[in-house]
Amino acid sequence: MATFNNHQMTKEELLANDYREYRGKEINVYFKAEICQHAAECVRGNLAVFNPKQKPWINADAAKAEEIKEIINRCPSHALQYERETV
């Protein structure tokens, strides 16, 4: 079972709505460039995870899942979403 933040969209809904998936071991991150407001909450939150100078620019394994979740929850545009497996 997966838990999504913000609008409670399923993985299938996110992908159907043009979110791009960045898979990690504990958390998957989804990003939709078209709605990003460039507030840079993600980049300021953790540059090792969200680094626009790298390809791919999101590394979902560069920090603990809980930290990534907290950063994504600060995204004002909801351009970032996450999926985390629950036990």
PDB file of N, CA and C in Angstrom:
ATOM      1  N   MET A   1       0.846  -1.184   0.000  1.00  0.00           N
ATOM      2  CA  MET A   1       0.000   0.000   0.000  1.00  0.00           C
ATOM      3  C   MET A   1       0.887   1.240   0.000  1.00  0.00           C
ATOM      4  N   ALA A   2       0.526   2.217  -0.789  1.00  0.00           N
ATOM      5  CA  ALA A   2       1.302   3.448  -0.909  1.00  0.00           C
ATOM      6  C   ALA A   2       0.539   4.619  -0.321  1.00  0.00           C
ATOM      7  N   THR A   3       1.277   5.579   0.210  1.00  0.00           N
ATOM      8  CA  THR A   3       0.692   6.805   0.739  1.00  0.00           C
ATOM      9  C   THR A   3       1.209   7.967  -0.095  1.00  0.00           C
ATOM     10  N   PHE A   4       0.295   8.818  -0.584  1.00  0.00           N
ATOM     11  CA  PHE A   4       0.670   9.990  -1.363  1.00  0.00           C
ATOM     12  C   PHE A   4       0.365  11.244  -0.565  1.00  0.00           C
ATOM     13  N   ASN A   5       1.164  12.279  -0.792  1.00  0.00           N
ATOM     14  CA  ASN A   5       0.942  13.534  -0.075  1.00  0.00           C
ATOM     15  C   ASN A   5      -0.029  14.432  -0.835  1.00  0.00           C
ATOM     16  N   ASN A   6      -0.324  15.550  -0.277  1.00  0.00           N
ATOM     17  CA  ASN A   6      -1.095  16.633  -0.884  1.00  0.00           C
ATOM     18  C   ASN A   6      -2.472  16.188  -1.354  1.00  0.00           C
ATOM     19  N   HIS A   7      -2.663  15.950  -2.641  1.00  0.00           N
ATOM     20  CA  HIS A   7      -4.000  15.709  -3.191  1.00  0.00           C
ATOM     21  C   HIS A   7      -4.439  14.254  -3.180  1.00  0.00           C
ATOM     22  N   GLN A   8      -3.671  13.370  -2.549  1.00  0.00           N
ATOM     23  CA  GLN A   8      -4.032  11.962  -2.450  1.00  0.00           C
ATOM     24  C   GLN A   8      -4.322  11.330  -3.817  1.00  0.00           C
ATOM     25  N   MET A   9      -3.471  11.575  -4.775  1.00  0.00           N
ATOM     26  CA  MET A   9      -3.585  10.973  -6.091  1.00  0.00           C
ATOM     27  C   MET A   9      -2.862   9.632  -6.088  1.00  0.00           C
ATOM     28  N   THR A  10      -3.360   8.686  -6.851  1.00  0.00           N
ATOM     29  CA  THR A  10      -2.663   7.417  -6.990  1.00  0.00           C
ATOM     30  C   THR A  10      -1.476   7.600  -7.924  1.00  0.00           C
ATOM     31  N   LYS A  11      -0.589   6.637  -7.914  1.00  0.00           N
ATOM     32  CA  LYS A  11       0.561   6.671  -8.815  1.00  0.00           C
ATOM     33  C   LYS A  11       0.093   6.760 -10.265  1.00  0.00           C
ATOM     34  N   GLU A  12      -0.920   6.001 -10.595  1.00  0.00           N
ATOM     35  CA  GLU A  12      -1.449   6.007 -11.954  1.00  0.00           C
ATOM     36  C   GLU A  12      -2.010   7.375 -12.337  1.00  0.00           C
ATOM     37  N   GLU A  13      -2.696   8.034 -11.398  1.00  0.00           N
ATOM     38  CA  GLU A  13      -3.230   9.376 -11.662  1.00  0.00           C
ATOM     39  C   GLU A  13      -2.107  10.395 -11.849  1.00  0.00           C
ATOM     40  N   LEU A  14      -1.069  10.294 -11.019  1.00  0.00           N
ATOM     41  CA  LEU A  14       0.064  11.208 -11.158  1.00  0.00           C
ATOM     42  C   LEU A  14       0.712  11.056 -12.528  1.00  0.00           C
ATOM     43  N   LEU A  15       0.983   9.833 -12.924  1.00  0.00           N
ATOM     44  CA  LEU A  15       1.621   9.598 -14.219  1.00  0.00           C
ATOM     45  C   LEU A  15       0.712  10.013 -15.373  1.00  0.00           C
ATOM     46  N   ALA A  16      -0.586   9.786 -15.242  1.00  0.00           N
ATOM     47  CA  ALA A  16      -1.543  10.202 -16.278  1.00  0.00           C
ATOM     48  C   ALA A  16      -1.637  11.723 -16.370  1.00  0.00           C
ATOM     49  N   ASN A  17      -1.293  12.422 -15.274  1.00  0.00           N
ATOM     50  CA  ASN A  17      -1.319  13.885 -15.241  1.00  0.00           C
ATOM     51  C   ASN A  17       0.059  14.484 -15.488  1.00  0.00           C
ATOM     52  N   ASP A  18       0.917  13.746 -16.154  1.00  0.00           N
ATOM     53  CA  ASP A  18       2.234  14.222 -16.615  1.00  0.00           C
ATOM     54  C   ASP A  18       3.246  14.475 -15.510  1.00  0.00           C
ATOM     55  N   TYR A  19       3.097  13.816 -14.367  1.00  0.00           N
ATOM     56  CA  TYR A  19       4.150  13.847 -13.365  1.00  0.00           C
ATOM     57  C   TYR A  19       5.227  12.860 -13.791  1.00  0.00           C
ATOM     58  N   ARG A  20       6.481  13.206 -13.578  1.00  0.00           N
ATOM     59  CA  ARG A  20       7.599  12.327 -13.874  1.00  0.00           C
ATOM     60  C   ARG A  20       8.011  11.625 -12.584  1.00  0.00           C
ATOM     61  N   GLU A  21       8.341  10.358 -12.679  1.00  0.00           N
ATOM     62  CA  GLU A  21       8.659   9.546 -11.507  1.00  0.00           C
ATOM     63  C   GLU A  21      10.173   9.416 -11.315  1.00  0.00           C
ATOM     64  N   TYR A  22      10.607   9.585 -10.067  1.00  0.00           N
ATOM     65  CA  TYR A  22      11.994   9.384  -9.661  1.00  0.00           C
ATOM     66  C   TYR A  22      11.969   8.368  -8.525  1.00  0.00           C
ATOM     67  N   ARG A  23      12.381   7.144  -8.808  1.00  0.00           N
ATOM     68  CA  ARG A  23      12.253   6.051  -7.850  1.00  0.00           C
ATOM     69  C   ARG A  23      13.430   5.987  -6.884  1.00  0.00           C
ATOM     70  N   GLY A  24      13.102   5.678  -5.632  1.00  0.00           N
ATOM     71  CA  GLY A  24      14.095   5.448  -4.601  1.00  0.00           C
ATOM     72  C   GLY A  24      13.778   4.153  -3.878  1.00  0.00           C
ATOM     73  N   LYS A  25      14.642   3.766  -2.975  1.00  0.00           N
ATOM     74  CA  LYS A  25      14.434   2.516  -2.234  1.00  0.00           C
ATOM     75  C   LYS A  25      13.278   2.619  -1.232  1.00  0.00           C
ATOM     76  N   GLU A  26      13.148   3.782  -0.574  1.00  0.00           N
ATOM     77  CA  GLU A  26      12.125   3.955   0.455  1.00  0.00           C
ATOM     78  C   GLU A  26      11.006   4.906   0.048  1.00  0.00           C
ATOM     79  N   ILE A  27      11.285   5.750  -0.939  1.00  0.00           N
ATOM     80  CA  ILE A  27      10.314   6.767  -1.347  1.00  0.00           C
ATOM     81  C   ILE A  27      10.473   7.034  -2.838  1.00  0.00           C
ATOM     82  N   ASN A  28       9.360   7.241  -3.505  1.00  0.00           N
ATOM     83  CA  ASN A  28       9.366   7.647  -4.910  1.00  0.00           C
ATOM     84  C   ASN A  28       8.888   9.089  -4.969  1.00  0.00           C
ATOM     85  N   VAL A  29       9.553   9.893  -5.785  1.00  0.00           N
ATOM     86  CA  VAL A  29       9.230  11.311  -5.910  1.00  0.00           C
ATOM     87  C   VAL A  29       8.660  11.546  -7.305  1.00  0.00           C
ATOM     88  N   TYR A  30       7.632  12.379  -7.379  1.00  0.00           N
ATOM     89  CA  TYR A  30       6.978  12.722  -8.642  1.00  0.00           C
ATOM     90  C   TYR A  30       7.048  14.233  -8.821  1.00  0.00           C
ATOM     91  N   PHE A  31       7.303  14.659 -10.060  1.00  0.00           N
ATOM     92  CA  PHE A  31       7.468  16.086 -10.340  1.00  0.00           C
ATOM     93  C   PHE A  31       6.775  16.443 -11.645  1.00  0.00           C
ATOM     94  N   LYS A  32       6.039  17.565 -11.614  1.00  0.00           N
ATOM     95  CA  LYS A  32       5.380  18.093 -12.808  1.00  0.00           C
ATOM     96  C   LYS A  32       5.907  19.510 -13.050  1.00  0.00           C
ATOM     97  N   ALA A  33       6.780  19.647 -14.033  1.00  0.00           N
ATOM     98  CA  ALA A  33       7.451  20.922 -14.305  1.00  0.00           C
ATOM     99  C   ALA A  33       6.480  22.037 -14.660  1.00  0.00           C
ATOM    100  N   GLU A  34       5.408  21.714 -15.354  1.00  0.00           N
ATOM    101  CA  GLU A  34       4.474  22.736 -15.842  1.00  0.00           C
ATOM    102  C   GLU A  34       3.791  23.520 -14.741  1.00  0.00           C
ATOM    103  N   ILE A  35       3.695  22.970 -13.541  1.00  0.00           N
ATOM    104  CA  ILE A  35       3.007  23.690 -12.467  1.00  0.00           C
ATOM    105  C   ILE A  35       3.965  24.214 -11.395  1.00  0.00           C
ATOM    106  N   CYS A  36       5.258  23.940 -11.565  1.00  0.00           N
ATOM    107  CA  CYS A  36       6.250  24.396 -10.589  1.00  0.00           C
ATOM    108  C   CYS A  36       6.306  25.928 -10.559  1.00  0.00           C
ATOM    109  N   GLN A  37       6.254  26.485  -9.344  1.00  0.00           N
ATOM    110  CA  GLN A  37       6.325  27.940  -9.157  1.00  0.00           C
ATOM    111  C   GLN A  37       7.749  28.407  -8.871  1.00  0.00           C
ATOM    112  N   HIS A  38       8.695  27.502  -8.855  1.00  0.00           N
ATOM    113  CA  HIS A  38      10.112  27.805  -8.624  1.00  0.00           C
ATOM    114  C   HIS A  38      10.347  28.542  -7.305  1.00  0.00           C
ATOM    115  N   ALA A  39       9.622  28.128  -6.288  1.00  0.00           N
ATOM    116  CA  ALA A  39       9.828  28.687  -4.952  1.00  0.00           C
ATOM    117  C   ALA A  39      11.132  28.169  -4.344  1.00  0.00           C
ATOM    118  N   ALA A  40      11.678  27.101  -4.886  1.00  0.00           N
ATOM    119  CA  ALA A  40      12.958  26.505  -4.485  1.00  0.00           C
ATOM    120  C   ALA A  40      12.956  25.929  -3.075  1.00  0.00           C
ATOM    121  N   GLU A  41      11.790  25.618  -2.529  1.00  0.00           N
ATOM    122  CA  GLU A  41      11.730  24.961  -1.214  1.00  0.00           C
ATOM    123  C   GLU A  41      12.487  23.644  -1.256  1.00  0.00           C
ATOM    124  N   CYS A  42      12.402  22.943  -2.361  1.00  0.00           N
ATOM    125  CA  CYS A  42      13.073  21.651  -2.486  1.00  0.00           C
ATOM    126  C   CYS A  42      14.587  21.811  -2.502  1.00  0.00           C
ATOM    127  N   VAL A  43      15.089  22.717  -3.322  1.00  0.00           N
ATOM    128  CA  VAL A  43      16.528  22.924  -3.449  1.00  0.00           C
ATOM    129  C   VAL A  43      17.116  23.416  -2.130  1.00  0.00           C
ATOM    130  N   ARG A  44      16.443  24.352  -1.484  1.00  0.00           N
ATOM    131  CA  ARG A  44      16.907  24.835  -0.181  1.00  0.00           C
ATOM    132  C   ARG A  44      16.780  23.754   0.887  1.00  0.00           C
ATOM    133  N   GLY A  45      15.831  22.855   0.693  1.00  0.00           N
ATOM    134  CA  GLY A  45      15.609  21.789   1.671  1.00  0.00           C
ATOM    135  C   GLY A  45      16.731  20.773   1.707  1.00  0.00           C
ATOM    136  N   ASN A  46      17.211  20.344   0.530  1.00  0.00           N
ATOM    137  CA  ASN A  46      18.315  19.387   0.482  1.00  0.00           C
ATOM    138  C   ASN A  46      18.834  19.323  -0.947  1.00  0.00           C
ATOM    139  N   LEU A  47      19.967  19.943  -1.169  1.00  0.00           N
ATOM    140  CA  LEU A  47      20.570  20.019  -2.501  1.00  0.00           C
ATOM    141  C   LEU A  47      21.059  18.659  -2.994  1.00  0.00           C
ATOM    142  N   ALA A  48      21.341  17.742  -2.097  1.00  0.00           N
ATOM    143  CA  ALA A  48      21.759  16.402  -2.518  1.00  0.00           C
ATOM    144  C   ALA A  48      20.600  15.636  -3.160  1.00  0.00           C
ATOM    145  N   VAL A  49      19.381  15.922  -2.725  1.00  0.00           N
ATOM    146  CA  VAL A  49      18.191  15.272  -3.283  1.00  0.00           C
ATOM    147  C   VAL A  49      17.674  16.037  -4.493  1.00  0.00           C
ATOM    148  N   PHE A  50      17.554  17.345  -4.366  1.00  0.00           N
ATOM    149  CA  PHE A  50      16.979  18.194  -5.413  1.00  0.00           C
ATOM    150  C   PHE A  50      18.063  19.129  -5.951  1.00  0.00           C
ATOM    151  N   ASN A  51      18.717  18.712  -7.022  1.00  0.00           N
ATOM    152  CA  ASN A  51      19.822  19.493  -7.572  1.00  0.00           C
ATOM    153  C   ASN A  51      19.591  19.729  -9.063  1.00  0.00           C
ATOM    154  N   PRO A  52      19.126  20.921  -9.433  1.00  0.00           N
ATOM    155  CA  PRO A  52      18.799  21.194 -10.831  1.00  0.00           C
ATOM    156  C   PRO A  52      20.003  21.156 -11.771  1.00  0.00           C
ATOM    157  N   LYS A  53      21.218  21.104 -11.227  1.00  0.00           N
ATOM    158  CA  LYS A  53      22.412  21.041 -12.073  1.00  0.00           C
ATOM    159  C   LYS A  53      22.803  19.598 -12.414  1.00  0.00           C
ATOM    160  N   GLN A  54      22.124  18.627 -11.813  1.00  0.00           N
ATOM    161  CA  GLN A  54      22.415  17.221 -12.077  1.00  0.00           C
ATOM    162  C   GLN A  54      21.322  16.589 -12.925  1.00  0.00           C
ATOM    163  N   LYS A  55      21.656  15.505 -13.599  1.00  0.00           N
ATOM    164  CA  LYS A  55      20.688  14.710 -14.358  1.00  0.00           C
ATOM    165  C   LYS A  55      20.735  13.287 -13.843  1.00  0.00           C
ATOM    166  N   PRO A  56      19.667  12.697 -13.385  1.00  0.00           N
ATOM    167  CA  PRO A  56      18.397  13.376 -13.129  1.00  0.00           C
ATOM    168  C   PRO A  56      18.527  14.329 -11.945  1.00  0.00           C
ATOM    169  N   TRP A  57      17.673  15.317 -11.908  1.00  0.00           N
ATOM    170  CA  TRP A  57      17.813  16.369 -10.901  1.00  0.00           C
ATOM    171  C   TRP A  57      17.282  15.959  -9.529  1.00  0.00           C
ATOM    172  N   ILE A  58      16.534  14.848  -9.465  1.00  0.00           N
ATOM    173  CA  ILE A  58      16.022  14.343  -8.188  1.00  0.00           C
ATOM    174  C   ILE A  58      16.666  12.987  -7.906  1.00  0.00           C
ATOM    175  N   ASN A  59      17.307  12.867  -6.732  1.00  0.00           N
ATOM    176  CA  ASN A  59      17.896  11.615  -6.276  1.00  0.00           C
ATOM    177  C   ASN A  59      17.159  11.196  -5.008  1.00  0.00           C
ATOM    178  N   ALA A  60      16.198  10.313  -5.151  1.00  0.00           N
ATOM    179  CA  ALA A  60      15.335   9.920  -4.033  1.00  0.00           C
ATOM    180  C   ALA A  60      16.047   9.074  -2.986  1.00  0.00           C
ATOM    181  N   ASP A  61      17.276   8.669  -3.251  1.00  0.00           N
ATOM    182  CA  ASP A  61      18.046   7.893  -2.277  1.00  0.00           C
ATOM    183  C   ASP A  61      19.101   8.725  -1.553  1.00  0.00           C
ATOM    184  N   ALA A  62      19.137  10.024  -1.788  1.00  0.00           N
ATOM    185  CA  ALA A  62      20.192  10.875  -1.215  1.00  0.00           C
ATOM    186  C   ALA A  62      19.893  11.352   0.202  1.00  0.00           C
ATOM    187  N   ALA A  63      18.727  11.008   0.739  1.00  0.00           N
ATOM    188  CA  ALA A  63      18.368  11.382   2.113  1.00  0.00           C
ATOM    189  C   ALA A  63      17.335  10.389   2.620  1.00  0.00           C
ATOM    190  N   LYS A  64      17.058  10.465   3.889  1.00  0.00           N
ATOM    191  CA  LYS A  64      16.035   9.599   4.479  1.00  0.00           C
ATOM    192  C   LYS A  64      14.659   9.978   3.940  1.00  0.00           C
ATOM    193  N   ALA A  65      13.810   8.990   3.789  1.00  0.00           N
ATOM    194  CA  ALA A  65      12.478   9.193   3.225  1.00  0.00           C
ATOM    195  C   ALA A  65      11.684  10.240   4.004  1.00  0.00           C
ATOM    196  N   GLU A  66      11.788  10.240   5.309  1.00  0.00           N
ATOM    197  CA  GLU A  66      11.029  11.198   6.132  1.00  0.00           C
ATOM    198  C   GLU A  66      11.452  12.631   5.846  1.00  0.00           C
ATOM    199  N   GLU A  67      12.749  12.853   5.664  1.00  0.00           N
ATOM    200  CA  GLU A  67      13.232  14.199   5.338  1.00  0.00           C
ATOM    201  C   GLU A  67      12.717  14.640   3.969  1.00  0.00           C
ATOM    202  N   ILE A  68      12.759  13.751   2.996  1.00  0.00           N
ATOM    203  CA  ILE A  68      12.267  14.079   1.650  1.00  0.00           C
ATOM    204  C   ILE A  68      10.780  14.396   1.698  1.00  0.00           C
ATOM    205  N   LYS A  69      10.035  13.616   2.443  1.00  0.00           N
ATOM    206  CA  LYS A  69       8.588  13.850   2.604  1.00  0.00           C
ATOM    207  C   LYS A  69       8.328  15.242   3.181  1.00  0.00           C
ATOM    208  N   GLU A  70       9.065  15.627   4.208  1.00  0.00           N
ATOM    209  CA  GLU A  70       8.874  16.940   4.827  1.00  0.00           C
ATOM    210  C   GLU A  70       9.191  18.068   3.851  1.00  0.00           C
ATOM    211  N   ILE A  71      10.232  17.896   3.050  1.00  0.00           N
ATOM    212  CA  ILE A  71      10.582  18.914   2.053  1.00  0.00           C
ATOM    213  C   ILE A  71       9.480  19.024   1.001  1.00  0.00           C
ATOM    214  N   ILE A  72       9.011  17.899   0.502  1.00  0.00           N
ATOM    215  CA  ILE A  72       7.971  17.903  -0.523  1.00  0.00           C
ATOM    216  C   ILE A  72       6.688  18.536   0.001  1.00  0.00           C
ATOM    217  N   ASN A  73       6.378  18.308   1.260  1.00  0.00           N
ATOM    218  CA  ASN A  73       5.168  18.892   1.843  1.00  0.00           C
ATOM    219  C   ASN A  73       5.220  20.419   1.894  1.00  0.00           C
ATOM    220  N   ARG A  74       6.406  21.008   1.753  1.00  0.00           N
ATOM    221  CA  ARG A  74       6.539  22.471   1.734  1.00  0.00           C
ATOM    222  C   ARG A  74       6.370  23.055   0.329  1.00  0.00           C
ATOM    223  N   CYS A  75       6.251  22.221  -0.684  1.00  0.00           N
ATOM    224  CA  CYS A  75       6.130  22.696  -2.067  1.00  0.00           C
ATOM    225  C   CYS A  75       4.785  23.408  -2.250  1.00  0.00           C
ATOM    226  N   PRO A  76       4.782  24.730  -2.505  1.00  0.00           N
ATOM    227  CA  PRO A  76       3.530  25.477  -2.570  1.00  0.00           C
ATOM    228  C   PRO A  76       2.680  25.173  -3.807  1.00  0.00           C
ATOM    229  N   SER A  77       3.289  24.709  -4.862  1.00  0.00           N
ATOM    230  CA  SER A  77       2.540  24.471  -6.110  1.00  0.00           C
ATOM    231  C   SER A  77       2.040  23.039  -6.249  1.00  0.00           C
ATOM    232  N   HIS A  78       2.475  22.156  -5.361  1.00  0.00           N
ATOM    233  CA  HIS A  78       2.176  20.724  -5.450  1.00  0.00           C
ATOM    234  C   HIS A  78       2.787  20.092  -6.692  1.00  0.00           C
ATOM    235  N   ALA A  79       3.819  20.714  -7.243  1.00  0.00           N
ATOM    236  CA  ALA A  79       4.534  20.146  -8.388  1.00  0.00           C
ATOM    237  C   ALA A  79       5.304  18.906  -7.955  1.00  0.00           C
ATOM    238  N   LEU A  80       5.621  18.814  -6.674  1.00  0.00           N
ATOM    239  CA  LEU A  80       6.280  17.628  -6.129  1.00  0.00           C
ATOM    240  C   LEU A  80       5.269  16.827  -5.331  1.00  0.00           C
ATOM    241  N   GLN A  81       5.313  15.538  -5.527  1.00  0.00           N
ATOM    242  CA  GLN A  81       4.480  14.584  -4.787  1.00  0.00           C
ATOM    243  C   GLN A  81       5.387  13.430  -4.382  1.00  0.00           C
ATOM    244  N   TYR A  82       4.928  12.589  -3.474  1.00  0.00           N
ATOM    245  CA  TYR A  82       5.721  11.421  -3.092  1.00  0.00           C
ATOM    246  C   TYR A  82       4.841  10.220  -2.861  1.00  0.00           C
ATOM    247  N   GLU A  83       5.462   9.076  -2.958  1.00  0.00           N
ATOM    248  CA  GLU A  83       4.835   7.799  -2.630  1.00  0.00           C
ATOM    249  C   GLU A  83       5.786   7.091  -1.687  1.00  0.00           C
ATOM    250  N   ARG A  84       5.259   6.668  -0.575  1.00  0.00           N
ATOM    251  CA  ARG A  84       6.093   5.962   0.404  1.00  0.00           C
ATOM    252  C   ARG A  84       5.388   4.681   0.807  1.00  0.00           C
ATOM    253  N   GLU A  85       6.116   3.613   0.784  1.00  0.00           N
ATOM    254  CA  GLU A  85       5.542   2.338   1.170  1.00  0.00           C
ATOM    255  C   GLU A  85       5.288   2.323   2.661  1.00  0.00           C
ATOM    256  N   THR A  86       4.155   1.805   3.071  1.00  0.00           N
ATOM    257  CA  THR A  86       3.830   1.712   4.490  1.00  0.00           C
ATOM    258  C   THR A  86       3.964   0.257   4.914  1.00  0.00           C
ATOM    259  N   VAL A  87       4.237   0.077   6.192  1.00  0.00           N
ATOM    260  CA  VAL A  87       4.433  -1.280   6.726  1.00  0.00           C
ATOM    261  C   VAL A  87       3.125  -1.801   7.229  1.00  0.00           C
TER     262      VAL A  87
END
